[in-house]
PDB file of N, CA and C in Angstrom:
ATOM      1  N   UNK A   1      19.541  -0.870   0.396  1.00  0.00           N
ATOM      2  CA  UNK A   1      20.550  -0.587  -0.616  1.00  0.00           C
ATOM      3  C   UNK A   1      21.716   0.104  -0.024  1.00  0.00           C
ATOM      4  N   UNK A   2      22.903  -0.186  -0.661  1.00  0.00           N
ATOM      5  CA  UNK A   2      24.167   0.323  -0.088  1.00  0.00           C
ATOM      6  C   UNK A   2      24.273   1.961  -0.318  1.00  0.00           C
ATOM      7  N   UNK A   3      25.051   2.503   0.596  1.00  0.00           N
ATOM      8  CA  UNK A   3      25.238   3.953   0.638  1.00  0.00           C
ATOM      9  C   UNK A   3      25.856   4.422  -0.640  1.00  0.00           C
ATOM     10  N   UNK A   4      26.729   3.728  -1.345  1.00  0.00           N
ATOM     11  CA  UNK A   4      27.405   4.036  -2.625  1.00  0.00           C
ATOM     12  C   UNK A   4      26.242   4.127  -3.620  1.00  0.00           C
ATOM     13  N   UNK A   5      25.356   3.075  -3.727  1.00  0.00           N
ATOM     14  CA  UNK A   5      24.245   3.097  -4.701  1.00  0.00           C
ATOM     15  C   UNK A   5      23.260   4.241  -4.490  1.00  0.00           C
ATOM     16  N   UNK A   6      22.904   4.390  -3.229  1.00  0.00           N
ATOM     17  CA  UNK A   6      22.097   5.592  -2.863  1.00  0.00           C
ATOM     18  C   UNK A   6      22.672   6.906  -3.510  1.00  0.00           C
ATOM     19  N   UNK A   7      24.069   7.083  -3.141  1.00  0.00           N
ATOM     20  CA  UNK A   7      24.788   8.269  -3.670  1.00  0.00           C
ATOM     21  C   UNK A   7      24.635   8.453  -5.052  1.00  0.00           C
ATOM     22  N   UNK A   8      24.801   7.287  -5.883  1.00  0.00           N
ATOM     23  CA  UNK A   8      24.668   7.497  -7.227  1.00  0.00           C
ATOM     24  C   UNK A   8      23.249   7.827  -7.709  1.00  0.00           C
ATOM     25  N   UNK A   9      22.355   7.288  -7.156  1.00  0.00           N
ATOM     26  CA  UNK A   9      20.873   7.652  -7.458  1.00  0.00           C
ATOM     27  C   UNK A   9      20.628   9.102  -7.143  1.00  0.00           C
ATOM     28  N   UNK A  10      21.091   9.535  -5.924  1.00  0.00           N
ATOM     29  CA  UNK A  10      20.936  10.849  -5.440  1.00  0.00           C
ATOM     30  C   UNK A  10      21.554  11.832  -6.598  1.00  0.00           C
ATOM     31  N   UNK A  11      22.758  11.584  -6.963  1.00  0.00           N
ATOM     32  CA  UNK A  11      23.412  12.453  -7.878  1.00  0.00           C
ATOM     33  C   UNK A  11      22.727  12.512  -9.228  1.00  0.00           C
ATOM     34  N   UNK A  12      22.210  11.384  -9.640  1.00  0.00           N
ATOM     35  CA  UNK A  12      21.389  11.251 -10.914  1.00  0.00           C
ATOM     36  C   UNK A  12      20.157  12.032 -10.829  1.00  0.00           C
ATOM     37  N   UNK A  13      19.521  11.940  -9.672  1.00  0.00           N
ATOM     38  CA  UNK A  13      18.335  12.687  -9.461  1.00  0.00           C
ATOM     39  C   UNK A  13      18.431  14.195  -9.388  1.00  0.00           C
ATOM     40  N   UNK A  14      19.647  14.668  -8.796  1.00  0.00           N
ATOM     41  CA  UNK A  14      19.972  15.964  -8.726  1.00  0.00           C
ATOM     42  C   UNK A  14      20.330  16.673 -10.072  1.00  0.00           C
ATOM     43  N   UNK A  15      20.862  15.774 -10.867  1.00  0.00           N
ATOM     44  CA  UNK A  15      21.311  16.238 -12.313  1.00  0.00           C
ATOM     45  C   UNK A  15      19.980  16.415 -13.126  1.00  0.00           C
ATOM     46  N   UNK A  16      19.109  15.327 -12.989  1.00  0.00           N
ATOM     47  CA  UNK A  16      17.772  15.483 -13.586  1.00  0.00           C
ATOM     48  C   UNK A  16      17.037  16.680 -13.263  1.00  0.00           C
ATOM     49  N   UNK A  17      16.991  16.938 -11.950  1.00  0.00           N
ATOM     50  CA  UNK A  17      16.315  18.092 -11.386  1.00  0.00           C
ATOM     51  C   UNK A  17      16.818  19.371 -12.002  1.00  0.00           C
ATOM     52  N   UNK A  18      18.119  19.613 -11.982  1.00  0.00           N
ATOM     53  CA  UNK A  18      18.751  20.752 -12.620  1.00  0.00           C
ATOM     54  C   UNK A  18      18.469  20.930 -14.065  1.00  0.00           C
ATOM     55  N   UNK A  19      18.531  19.868 -14.741  1.00  0.00           N
ATOM     56  CA  UNK A  19      18.164  19.818 -16.295  1.00  0.00           C
ATOM     57  C   UNK A  19      16.759  20.250 -16.476  1.00  0.00           C
ATOM     58  N   UNK A  20      15.832  19.568 -15.852  1.00  0.00           N
ATOM     59  CA  UNK A  20      14.460  19.824 -15.869  1.00  0.00           C
ATOM     60  C   UNK A  20      13.983  21.282 -15.543  1.00  0.00           C
ATOM     61  N   UNK A  21      14.635  21.727 -14.500  1.00  0.00           N
ATOM     62  CA  UNK A  21      14.303  23.220 -14.054  1.00  0.00           C
ATOM     63  C   UNK A  21      14.772  24.144 -15.142  1.00  0.00           C
ATOM     64  N   UNK A  22      15.920  23.860 -15.838  1.00  0.00           N
ATOM     65  CA  UNK A  22      16.374  24.729 -16.871  1.00  0.00           C
ATOM     66  C   UNK A  22      15.402  24.684 -18.110  1.00  0.00           C
ATOM     67  N   UNK A  23      14.898  23.510 -18.367  1.00  0.00           N
ATOM     68  CA  UNK A  23      13.932  23.200 -19.464  1.00  0.00           C
ATOM     69  C   UNK A  23      12.535  24.010 -19.147  1.00  0.00           C
ATOM     70  N   UNK A  24      12.139  23.800 -17.830  1.00  0.00           N
ATOM     71  CA  UNK A  24      10.847  24.477 -17.551  1.00  0.00           C
ATOM     72  C   UNK A  24      11.026  25.996 -17.649  1.00  0.00           C
ATOM     73  N   UNK A  25      12.119  26.484 -17.157  1.00  0.00           N
ATOM     74  CA  UNK A  25      12.397  27.978 -17.340  1.00  0.00           C
ATOM     75  C   UNK A  25      12.345  28.423 -18.698  1.00  0.00           C
ATOM     76  N   UNK A  26      13.062  27.583 -19.617  1.00  0.00           N
ATOM     77  CA  UNK A  26      13.132  27.946 -21.021  1.00  0.00           C
ATOM     78  C   UNK A  26      11.692  27.823 -21.634  1.00  0.00           C
ATOM     79  N   UNK A  27      10.955  26.849 -21.340  1.00  0.00           N
ATOM     80  CA  UNK A  27       9.462  26.720 -21.714  1.00  0.00           C
ATOM     81  C   UNK A  27       8.648  27.873 -21.372  1.00  0.00           C
ATOM     82  N   UNK A  28       8.949  28.331 -20.061  1.00  0.00           N
ATOM     83  CA  UNK A  28       8.086  29.372 -19.374  1.00  0.00           C
ATOM     84  C   UNK A  28       8.440  30.717 -20.292  1.00  0.00           C
ATOM     85  N   UNK A  29       9.729  30.956 -20.472  1.00  0.00           N
ATOM     86  CA  UNK A  29      10.023  32.160 -21.207  1.00  0.00           C
ATOM     87  C   UNK A  29       9.587  32.050 -22.750  1.00  0.00           C
ATOM     88  N   UNK A  30       9.688  30.998 -23.146  1.00  0.00           N
ATOM     89  CA  UNK A  30       9.171  30.763 -24.711  1.00  0.00           C
ATOM     90  C   UNK A  30       7.613  31.023 -24.715  1.00  0.00           C
ATOM     91  N   UNK A  31       6.849  30.404 -23.729  1.00  0.00           N
ATOM     92  CA  UNK A  31       5.338  30.569 -23.751  1.00  0.00           C
ATOM     93  C   UNK A  31       4.926  31.972 -23.347  1.00  0.00           C
ATOM     94  N   UNK A  32       5.512  32.605 -22.401  1.00  0.00           N
ATOM     95  CA  UNK A  32       5.063  33.959 -21.856  1.00  0.00           C
ATOM     96  C   UNK A  32       5.607  35.249 -22.480  1.00  0.00           C
ATOM     97  N   UNK A  33       6.785  34.939 -23.164  1.00  0.00           N
ATOM     98  CA  UNK A  33       7.396  36.125 -23.829  1.00  0.00           C
ATOM     99  C   UNK A  33       7.589  36.058 -25.244  1.00  0.00           C
ATOM    100  N   UNK A  34       6.665  35.207 -25.968  1.00  0.00           N
ATOM    101  CA  UNK A  34       6.759  34.991 -27.332  1.00  0.00           C
ATOM    102  C   UNK A  34       6.524  36.323 -28.100  1.00  0.00           C
ATOM    103  N   UNK A  35       7.542  36.622 -29.043  1.00  0.00           N
ATOM    104  CA  UNK A  35       7.397  37.697 -29.907  1.00  0.00           C
ATOM    105  C   UNK A  35       7.097  37.183 -31.395  1.00  0.00           C
ATOM    106  N   UNK A  36       6.415  38.047 -32.106  1.00  0.00           N
ATOM    107  CA  UNK A  36       6.236  37.708 -33.499  1.00  0.00           C
ATOM    108  C   UNK A  36       7.621  37.831 -34.356  1.00  0.00           C
ATOM    109  N   UNK A  37       8.009  36.802 -34.890  1.00  0.00           N
ATOM    110  CA  UNK A  37       9.303  36.876 -35.617  1.00  0.00           C
ATOM    111  C   UNK A  37       9.067  37.133 -37.044  1.00  0.00           C
ATOM    112  N   UNK A  38       8.077  36.604 -37.562  1.00  0.00           N
ATOM    113  CA  UNK A  38       7.844  36.826 -39.030  1.00  0.00           C
ATOM    114  C   UNK A  38       7.518  38.118 -39.440  1.00  0.00           C
ATOM    115  N   UNK A  39       8.095  38.739 -40.528  1.00  0.00           N
ATOM    116  CA  UNK A  39       7.746  39.954 -40.980  1.00  0.00           C
ATOM    117  C   UNK A  39       8.262  41.124 -39.986  1.00  0.00           C
ATOM    118  N   UNK A  40       9.023  40.887 -39.086  1.00  0.00           N
ATOM    119  CA  UNK A  40       9.550  41.925 -38.272  1.00  0.00           C
ATOM    120  C   UNK A  40       8.476  42.534 -37.287  1.00  0.00           C
ATOM    121  N   UNK A  41       7.401  41.855 -37.181  1.00  0.00           N
ATOM    122  CA  UNK A  41       6.373  42.304 -36.216  1.00  0.00           C
ATOM    123  C   UNK A  41       6.599  41.975 -34.929  1.00  0.00           C
ATOM    124  N   UNK A  42       6.982  43.052 -34.008  1.00  0.00           N
ATOM    125  CA  UNK A  42       7.427  42.661 -32.612  1.00  0.00           C
ATOM    126  C   UNK A  42       6.259  42.786 -31.746  1.00  0.00           C
ATOM    127  N   UNK A  43       5.127  43.196 -32.146  1.00  0.00           N
ATOM    128  CA  UNK A  43       3.897  43.217 -31.282  1.00  0.00           C
ATOM    129  C   UNK A  43       3.468  41.832 -30.906  1.00  0.00           C
ATOM    130  N   UNK A  44       2.719  41.719 -29.834  1.00  0.00           N
ATOM    131  CA  UNK A  44       2.110  40.415 -29.438  1.00  0.00           C
ATOM    132  C   UNK A  44       0.814  40.144 -30.079  1.00  0.00           C
ATOM    133  N   UNK A  45       0.392  40.993 -30.852  1.00  0.00           N
ATOM    134  CA  UNK A  45      -0.948  40.914 -31.560  1.00  0.00           C
ATOM    135  C   UNK A  45      -0.758  40.368 -32.868  1.00  0.00           C
ATOM    136  N   UNK A  46      -1.292  39.184 -33.257  1.00  0.00           N
ATOM    137  CA  UNK A  46      -1.188  38.631 -34.571  1.00  0.00           C
ATOM    138  C   UNK A  46      -1.995  39.474 -35.429  1.00  0.00           C
ATOM    139  N   UNK A  47      -1.569  39.378 -36.739  1.00  0.00           N
ATOM    140  CA  UNK A  47      -2.313  40.172 -37.900  1.00  0.00           C
ATOM    141  C   UNK A  47      -3.437  39.312 -38.315  1.00  0.00           C
ATOM    142  N   UNK A  48      -3.355  37.983 -38.572  1.00  0.00           N
ATOM    143  CA  UNK A  48      -4.336  37.227 -39.129  1.00  0.00           C
ATOM    144  C   UNK A  48      -4.958  36.274 -37.950  1.00  0.00           C
ATOM    145  N   UNK A  49      -6.261  35.795 -38.237  1.00  0.00           N
ATOM    146  CA  UNK A  49      -6.917  34.889 -37.333  1.00  0.00           C
ATOM    147  C   UNK A  49      -6.088  33.642 -37.257  1.00  0.00           C
ATOM    148  N   UNK A  50      -5.640  33.219 -38.430  1.00  0.00           N
ATOM    149  CA  UNK A  50      -4.750  31.813 -38.399  1.00  0.00           C
ATOM    150  C   UNK A  50      -3.568  32.119 -37.588  1.00  0.00           C
ATOM    151  N   UNK A  51      -2.940  33.177 -37.562  1.00  0.00           N
ATOM    152  CA  UNK A  51      -1.799  33.433 -36.744  1.00  0.00           C
ATOM    153  C   UNK A  51      -2.102  33.429 -35.313  1.00  0.00           C
ATOM    154  N   UNK A  52      -3.366  33.913 -34.967  1.00  0.00           N
ATOM    155  CA  UNK A  52      -3.801  33.852 -33.625  1.00  0.00           C
ATOM    156  C   UNK A  52      -4.070  32.379 -33.137  1.00  0.00           C
ATOM    157  N   UNK A  53      -4.715  31.584 -34.049  1.00  0.00           N
ATOM    158  CA  UNK A  53      -4.911  30.307 -33.729  1.00  0.00           C
ATOM    159  C   UNK A  53      -3.645  29.380 -33.511  1.00  0.00           C
ATOM    160  N   UNK A  54      -2.686  29.733 -34.465  1.00  0.00           N
ATOM    161  CA  UNK A  54      -1.385  28.973 -34.270  1.00  0.00           C
ATOM    162  C   UNK A  54      -0.558  29.387 -33.037  1.00  0.00           C
ATOM    163  N   UNK A  55      -0.658  30.664 -32.651  1.00  0.00           N
ATOM    164  CA  UNK A  55       0.009  31.161 -31.417  1.00  0.00           C
ATOM    165  C   UNK A  55      -0.642  30.533 -30.234  1.00  0.00           C
ATOM    166  N   UNK A  56      -1.948  30.548 -30.274  1.00  0.00           N
ATOM    167  CA  UNK A  56      -2.596  29.872 -29.042  1.00  0.00           C
ATOM    168  C   UNK A  56      -2.313  28.423 -28.931  1.00  0.00           C
ATOM    169  N   UNK A  57      -2.321  27.797 -30.014  1.00  0.00           N
ATOM    170  CA  UNK A  57      -1.913  26.323 -30.005  1.00  0.00           C
ATOM    171  C   UNK A  57      -0.565  26.142 -29.450  1.00  0.00           C
ATOM    172  N   UNK A  58       0.337  26.962 -29.958  1.00  0.00           N
ATOM    173  CA  UNK A  58       1.703  26.753 -29.535  1.00  0.00           C
ATOM    174  C   UNK A  58       1.827  27.068 -28.029  1.00  0.00           C
ATOM    175  N   UNK A  59       1.259  28.119 -27.614  1.00  0.00           N
ATOM    176  CA  UNK A  59       1.352  28.385 -26.204  1.00  0.00           C
ATOM    177  C   UNK A  59       0.694  27.380 -25.423  1.00  0.00           C
ATOM    178  N   UNK A  60      -0.438  26.830 -25.576  1.00  0.00           N
ATOM    179  CA  UNK A  60      -1.020  25.747 -24.831  1.00  0.00           C
ATOM    180  C   UNK A  60      -0.263  24.528 -24.921  1.00  0.00           C
ATOM    181  N   UNK A  61       0.365  24.214 -26.009  1.00  0.00           N
ATOM    182  CA  UNK A  61       1.261  22.971 -26.089  1.00  0.00           C
ATOM    183  C   UNK A  61       2.425  23.217 -25.263  1.00  0.00           C
ATOM    184  N   UNK A  62       3.021  24.405 -25.120  1.00  0.00           N
ATOM    185  CA  UNK A  62       4.218  24.733 -24.395  1.00  0.00           C
ATOM    186  C   UNK A  62       3.806  24.547 -22.886  1.00  0.00           C
ATOM    187  N   UNK A  63       2.631  25.189 -22.500  1.00  0.00           N
ATOM    188  CA  UNK A  63       2.148  25.011 -21.078  1.00  0.00           C
ATOM    189  C   UNK A  63       1.901  23.686 -20.785  1.00  0.00           C
ATOM    190  N   UNK A  64       1.429  22.814 -21.607  1.00  0.00           N
ATOM    191  CA  UNK A  64       1.178  21.383 -21.369  1.00  0.00           C
ATOM    192  C   UNK A  64       2.472  20.643 -21.082  1.00  0.00           C
ATOM    193  N   UNK A  65       3.538  20.898 -21.778  1.00  0.00           N
ATOM    194  CA  UNK A  65       4.737  20.359 -21.606  1.00  0.00           C
ATOM    195  C   UNK A  65       5.430  20.871 -20.416  1.00  0.00           C
ATOM    196  N   UNK A  66       5.092  22.105 -20.011  1.00  0.00           N
ATOM    197  CA  UNK A  66       5.639  22.604 -18.703  1.00  0.00           C
ATOM    198  C   UNK A  66       4.963  21.837 -17.454  1.00  0.00           C
ATOM    199  N   UNK A  67       3.718  21.546 -17.587  1.00  0.00           N
ATOM    200  CA  UNK A  67       3.018  20.840 -16.577  1.00  0.00           C
ATOM    201  C   UNK A  67       3.501  19.432 -16.394  1.00  0.00           C
ATOM    202  N   UNK A  68       3.776  18.696 -17.558  1.00  0.00           N
ATOM    203  CA  UNK A  68       4.419  17.424 -17.389  1.00  0.00           C
ATOM    204  C   UNK A  68       5.739  17.444 -16.779  1.00  0.00           C
ATOM    205  N   UNK A  69       6.584  18.385 -17.054  1.00  0.00           N
ATOM    206  CA  UNK A  69       7.953  18.522 -16.587  1.00  0.00           C
ATOM    207  C   UNK A  69       7.836  18.897 -15.128  1.00  0.00           C
ATOM    208  N   UNK A  70       6.886  19.699 -14.670  1.00  0.00           N
ATOM    209  CA  UNK A  70       6.576  20.074 -13.324  1.00  0.00           C
ATOM    210  C   UNK A  70       6.311  18.750 -12.468  1.00  0.00           C
ATOM    211  N   UNK A  71       5.409  17.967 -13.134  1.00  0.00           N
ATOM    212  CA  UNK A  71       4.994  16.645 -12.360  1.00  0.00           C
ATOM    213  C   UNK A  71       6.249  15.845 -12.109  1.00  0.00           C
ATOM    214  N   UNK A  72       7.126  15.803 -13.171  1.00  0.00           N
ATOM    215  CA  UNK A  72       8.260  15.044 -13.084  1.00  0.00           C
ATOM    216  C   UNK A  72       9.330  15.611 -11.945  1.00  0.00           C
ATOM    217  N   UNK A  73       9.323  16.888 -11.874  1.00  0.00           N
ATOM    218  CA  UNK A  73      10.171  17.533 -10.877  1.00  0.00           C
ATOM    219  C   UNK A  73       9.774  17.273  -9.610  1.00  0.00           C
ATOM    220  N   UNK A  74       8.300  17.260  -9.275  1.00  0.00           N
ATOM    221  CA  UNK A  74       7.876  16.879  -8.078  1.00  0.00           C
ATOM    222  C   UNK A  74       8.110  15.470  -7.678  1.00  0.00           C
ATOM    223  N   UNK A  75       8.039  14.490  -8.556  1.00  0.00           N
ATOM    224  CA  UNK A  75       8.431  13.183  -8.467  1.00  0.00           C
ATOM    225  C   UNK A  75       9.964  12.988  -7.997  1.00  0.00           C
ATOM    226  N   UNK A  76      10.719  13.806  -8.613  1.00  0.00           N
ATOM    227  CA  UNK A  76      12.195  13.820  -8.286  1.00  0.00           C
ATOM    228  C   UNK A  76      12.403  14.285  -6.977  1.00  0.00           C
ATOM    229  N   UNK A  77      11.640  15.446  -6.587  1.00  0.00           N
ATOM    230  CA  UNK A  77      11.879  15.977  -5.177  1.00  0.00           C
ATOM    231  C   UNK A  77      11.410  14.862  -4.115  1.00  0.00           C
ATOM    232  N   UNK A  78      10.330  14.208  -4.392  1.00  0.00           N
ATOM    233  CA  UNK A  78       9.864  13.157  -3.437  1.00  0.00           C
ATOM    234  C   UNK A  78      10.888  12.152  -3.299  1.00  0.00           C
ATOM    235  N   UNK A  79      11.417  11.664  -4.419  1.00  0.00           N
ATOM    236  CA  UNK A  79      12.549  10.582  -4.512  1.00  0.00           C
ATOM    237  C   UNK A  79      13.682  11.022  -3.670  1.00  0.00           C
ATOM    238  N   UNK A  80      14.126  12.219  -3.753  1.00  0.00           N
ATOM    239  CA  UNK A  80      15.266  12.734  -2.856  1.00  0.00           C
ATOM    240  C   UNK A  80      14.862  12.694  -1.487  1.00  0.00           C
ATOM    241  N   UNK A  81      13.644  12.968  -1.178  1.00  0.00           N
ATOM    242  CA  UNK A  81      13.195  12.988   0.242  1.00  0.00           C
ATOM    243  C   UNK A  81      13.248  11.467   0.771  1.00  0.00           C
ATOM    244  N   UNK A  82      12.791  10.672  -0.068  1.00  0.00           N
ATOM    245  CA  UNK A  82      12.821   9.202   0.338  1.00  0.00           C
ATOM    246  C   UNK A  82      14.222   8.676   0.510  1.00  0.00           C
ATOM    247  N   UNK A  83      15.140   9.304  -0.268  1.00  0.00           N
ATOM    248  CA  UNK A  83      16.539   8.877  -0.016  1.00  0.00           C
ATOM    249  C   UNK A  83      16.979   9.269   1.400  1.00  0.00           C
ATOM    250  N   UNK A  84      16.661  10.482   1.795  1.00  0.00           N
ATOM    251  CA  UNK A  84      17.000  11.161   3.045  1.00  0.00           C
ATOM    252  C   UNK A  84      16.300  10.341   4.298  1.00  0.00           C
ATOM    253  N   UNK A  85      15.037   9.847   3.927  1.00  0.00           N
ATOM    254  CA  UNK A  85      14.151   9.166   4.942  1.00  0.00           C
ATOM    255  C   UNK A  85      14.672   7.740   5.034  1.00  0.00           C
ATOM    256  N   UNK A  86      15.487   7.213   4.019  1.00  0.00           N
ATOM    257  CA  UNK A  86      15.809   5.778   4.109  1.00  0.00           C
ATOM    258  C   UNK A  86      14.725   4.797   3.445  1.00  0.00           C
ATOM    259  N   UNK A  87      13.793   5.335   2.748  1.00  0.00           N
ATOM    260  CA  UNK A  87      12.784   4.518   2.128  1.00  0.00           C
ATOM    261  C   UNK A  87      12.765   4.514   0.600  1.00  0.00           C
ATOM    262  N   UNK A  88      13.930   5.019   0.028  1.00  0.00           N
ATOM    263  CA  UNK A  88      14.072   4.939  -1.291  1.00  0.00           C
ATOM    264  C   UNK A  88      14.187   3.638  -1.900  1.00  0.00           C
ATOM    265  N   UNK A  89      13.641   3.261  -2.980  1.00  0.00           N
ATOM    266  CA  UNK A  89      13.761   1.936  -3.662  1.00  0.00           C
ATOM    267  C   UNK A  89      12.716   0.874  -3.056  1.00  0.00           C
ATOM    268  N   UNK A  90      11.953   1.335  -2.249  1.00  0.00           N
ATOM    269  CA  UNK A  90      10.780   0.490  -1.589  1.00  0.00           C
ATOM    270  C   UNK A  90       9.425   0.864  -2.272  1.00  0.00           C
ATOM    271  N   UNK A  91       8.657  -0.184  -2.876  1.00  0.00           N
ATOM    272  CA  UNK A  91       7.494   0.167  -3.403  1.00  0.00           C
ATOM    273  C   UNK A  91       6.397   0.576  -2.405  1.00  0.00           C
ATOM    274  N   UNK A  92       5.788   1.709  -2.803  1.00  0.00           N
ATOM    275  CA  UNK A  92       4.880   2.299  -1.848  1.00  0.00           C
ATOM    276  C   UNK A  92       3.587   1.580  -1.706  1.00  0.00           C
ATOM    277  N   UNK A  93       3.342   0.688  -2.588  1.00  0.00           N
ATOM    278  CA  UNK A  93       2.090  -0.148  -2.742  1.00  0.00           C
ATOM    279  C   UNK A  93       2.353  -1.369  -1.824  1.00  0.00           C
ATOM    280  N   UNK A  94       3.218  -2.294  -2.249  1.00  0.00           N
ATOM    281  CA  UNK A  94       3.455  -3.656  -1.549  1.00  0.00           C
ATOM    282  C   UNK A  94       4.716  -3.647  -0.660  1.00  0.00           C
ATOM    283  N   UNK A  95       5.381  -2.663  -0.595  1.00  0.00           N
ATOM    284  CA  UNK A  95       6.592  -2.459   0.281  1.00  0.00           C
ATOM    285  C   UNK A  95       7.619  -3.393  -0.079  1.00  0.00           C
ATOM    286  N   UNK A  96       7.876  -3.923  -1.373  1.00  0.00           N
ATOM    287  CA  UNK A  96       9.056  -4.678  -1.609  1.00  0.00           C
ATOM    288  C   UNK A  96      10.092  -3.912  -2.278  1.00  0.00           C
ATOM    289  N   UNK A  97      11.227  -4.426  -2.437  1.00  0.00           N
ATOM    290  CA  UNK A  97      12.258  -3.578  -3.094  1.00  0.00           C
ATOM    291  C   UNK A  97      11.960  -3.448  -4.652  1.00  0.00           C
ATOM    292  N   UNK A  98      12.192  -2.139  -5.165  1.00  0.00           N
ATOM    293  CA  UNK A  98      11.921  -1.919  -6.563  1.00  0.00           C
ATOM    294  C   UNK A  98      13.190  -2.412  -7.245  1.00  0.00           C
ATOM    295  N   UNK A  99      13.156  -3.163  -8.319  1.00  0.00           N
ATOM    296  CA  UNK A  99      14.297  -3.609  -8.980  1.00  0.00           C
ATOM    297  C   UNK A  99      15.145  -2.601  -9.457  1.00  0.00           C
ATOM    298  N   UNK A 100      16.538  -2.827  -9.438  1.00  0.00           N
ATOM    299  CA  UNK A 100      17.432  -1.782  -9.913  1.00  0.00           C
ATOM    300  C   UNK A 100      17.134  -1.345 -11.352  1.00  0.00           C
ATOM    301  N   UNK A 101      16.703  -2.351 -12.092  1.00  0.00           N
ATOM    302  CA  UNK A 101      16.619  -1.980 -13.526  1.00  0.00           C
ATOM    303  C   UNK A 101      15.483  -0.992 -13.721  1.00  0.00           C
ATOM    304  N   UNK A 102      14.422  -1.045 -12.912  1.00  0.00           N
ATOM    305  CA  UNK A 102      13.392  -0.004 -13.003  1.00  0.00           C
ATOM    306  C   UNK A 102      13.821   1.240 -12.513  1.00  0.00           C
ATOM    307  N   UNK A 103      14.644   1.261 -11.348  1.00  0.00           N
ATOM    308  CA  UNK A 103      15.256   2.546 -10.785  1.00  0.00           C
ATOM    309  C   UNK A 103      16.247   3.219 -11.830  1.00  0.00           C
ATOM    310  N   UNK A 104      16.918   2.280 -12.550  1.00  0.00           N
ATOM    311  CA  UNK A 104      17.919   2.770 -13.502  1.00  0.00           C
ATOM    312  C   UNK A 104      17.032   3.610 -14.663  1.00  0.00           C
ATOM    313  N   UNK A 105      15.927   2.937 -14.972  1.00  0.00           N
ATOM    314  CA  UNK A 105      15.234   3.549 -16.111  1.00  0.00           C
ATOM    315  C   UNK A 105      14.388   4.766 -15.581  1.00  0.00           C
ATOM    316  N   UNK A 106      13.763   4.685 -14.398  1.00  0.00           N
ATOM    317  CA  UNK A 106      12.927   5.806 -13.703  1.00  0.00           C
ATOM    318  C   UNK A 106      13.509   5.878 -12.315  1.00  0.00           C
ATOM    319  N   UNK A 107      14.455   6.736 -12.009  1.00  0.00           N
ATOM    320  CA  UNK A 107      14.984   6.818 -10.701  1.00  0.00           C
ATOM    321  C   UNK A 107      14.040   7.375  -9.756  1.00  0.00           C
ATOM    322  N   UNK A 108      13.038   7.972 -10.051  1.00  0.00           N
ATOM    323  CA  UNK A 108      12.040   8.759  -9.243  1.00  0.00           C
ATOM    324  C   UNK A 108      10.795   7.831  -9.001  1.00  0.00           C
ATOM    325  N   UNK A 109      10.851   6.514  -9.525  1.00  0.00           N
ATOM    326  CA  UNK A 109       9.628   5.616  -9.394  1.00  0.00           C
ATOM    327  C   UNK A 109       9.406   5.295  -7.879  1.00  0.00           C
ATOM    328  N   UNK A 110       8.024   5.134  -7.609  1.00  0.00           N
ATOM    329  CA  UNK A 110       7.651   4.926  -6.324  1.00  0.00           C
ATOM    330  C   UNK A 110       6.963   3.499  -6.247  1.00  0.00           C
ATOM    331  N   UNK A 111       6.756   2.865  -7.323  1.00  0.00           N
ATOM    332  CA  UNK A 111       6.228   1.530  -7.402  1.00  0.00           C
ATOM    333  C   UNK A 111       6.956   0.516  -8.276  1.00  0.00           C
ATOM    334  N   UNK A 112       6.886  -0.720  -7.889  1.00  0.00           N
ATOM    335  CA  UNK A 112       7.405  -1.816  -8.658  1.00  0.00           C
ATOM    336  C   UNK A 112       6.687  -1.976  -9.850  1.00  0.00           C
ATOM    337  N   UNK A 113       7.226  -2.742 -10.828  1.00  0.00           N
ATOM    338  CA  UNK A 113       6.465  -2.966 -12.082  1.00  0.00           C
ATOM    339  C   UNK A 113       5.059  -3.498 -11.907  1.00  0.00           C
ATOM    340  N   UNK A 114       5.089  -4.483 -11.024  1.00  0.00           N
ATOM    341  CA  UNK A 114       3.708  -5.399 -10.787  1.00  0.00           C
ATOM    342  C   UNK A 114       2.626  -4.263 -10.309  1.00  0.00           C
ATOM    343  N   UNK A 115       2.963  -3.527  -9.271  1.00  0.00           N
ATOM    344  CA  UNK A 115       1.942  -2.548  -8.633  1.00  0.00           C
ATOM    345  C   UNK A 115       1.694  -1.483  -9.670  1.00  0.00           C
ATOM    346  N   UNK A 116       2.605  -0.864 -10.387  1.00  0.00           N
ATOM    347  CA  UNK A 116       2.453   0.085 -11.412  1.00  0.00           C
ATOM    348  C   UNK A 116       1.553  -0.401 -12.490  1.00  0.00           C
ATOM    349  N   UNK A 117       1.710  -1.549 -12.988  1.00  0.00           N
ATOM    350  CA  UNK A 117       0.838  -2.261 -13.893  1.00  0.00           C
ATOM    351  C   UNK A 117      -0.634  -2.296 -13.372  1.00  0.00           C
ATOM    352  N   UNK A 118      -0.847  -2.852 -12.143  1.00  0.00           N
ATOM    353  CA  UNK A 118      -2.154  -2.887 -11.561  1.00  0.00           C
ATOM    354  C   UNK A 118      -2.880  -1.599 -11.540  1.00  0.00           C
ATOM    355  N   UNK A 119      -2.094  -0.583 -11.032  1.00  0.00           N
ATOM    356  CA  UNK A 119      -2.652   0.825 -11.051  1.00  0.00           C
ATOM    357  C   UNK A 119      -3.014   1.245 -12.415  1.00  0.00           C
ATOM    358  N   UNK A 120      -2.235   1.007 -13.291  1.00  0.00           N
ATOM    359  CA  UNK A 120      -2.464   1.469 -14.687  1.00  0.00           C
ATOM    360  C   UNK A 120      -3.688   0.814 -15.284  1.00  0.00           C
ATOM    361  N   UNK A 121      -3.904  -0.457 -14.980  1.00  0.00           N
ATOM    362  CA  UNK A 121      -5.079  -1.112 -15.568  1.00  0.00           C
ATOM    363  C   UNK A 121      -6.292  -0.658 -14.875  1.00  0.00           C
ATOM    364  N   UNK A 122      -6.247  -0.083 -13.703  1.00  0.00           N
ATOM    365  CA  UNK A 122      -7.398   0.408 -13.051  1.00  0.00           C
ATOM    366  C   UNK A 122      -7.971   1.651 -13.633  1.00  0.00           C
ATOM    367  N   UNK A 123      -7.188   2.477 -14.341  1.00  0.00           N
ATOM    368  CA  UNK A 123      -7.347   3.681 -15.015  1.00  0.00           C
ATOM    369  C   UNK A 123      -8.237   3.475 -16.165  1.00  0.00           C
TER     370      UNK A 123
END
């Protein structure tokens, strides 16, 4: 891959990383510092059991989103490392070039479509 192309992918990955970090921080604040808004109740203790269930569901959902975003952040970090090592854009399974169309869609991808499909079918 040409240096100019690598630079573009690196810039894109860095922008994605910055955006996702902001999203994760926002989700963490939302999940961990949630205040009751309805009725002016600022305590963290819901009044009704239904409120408690809703609050718990909301918090678990937010934490699940955070986990997914953290996984994506880790994949982005690994992609940035591969750029520095000179192995970016090479399938980790079969060692062929990952098509640019795939890298454009998933710039942190480590597998070509064929290998990704094989691995997905095994699950």
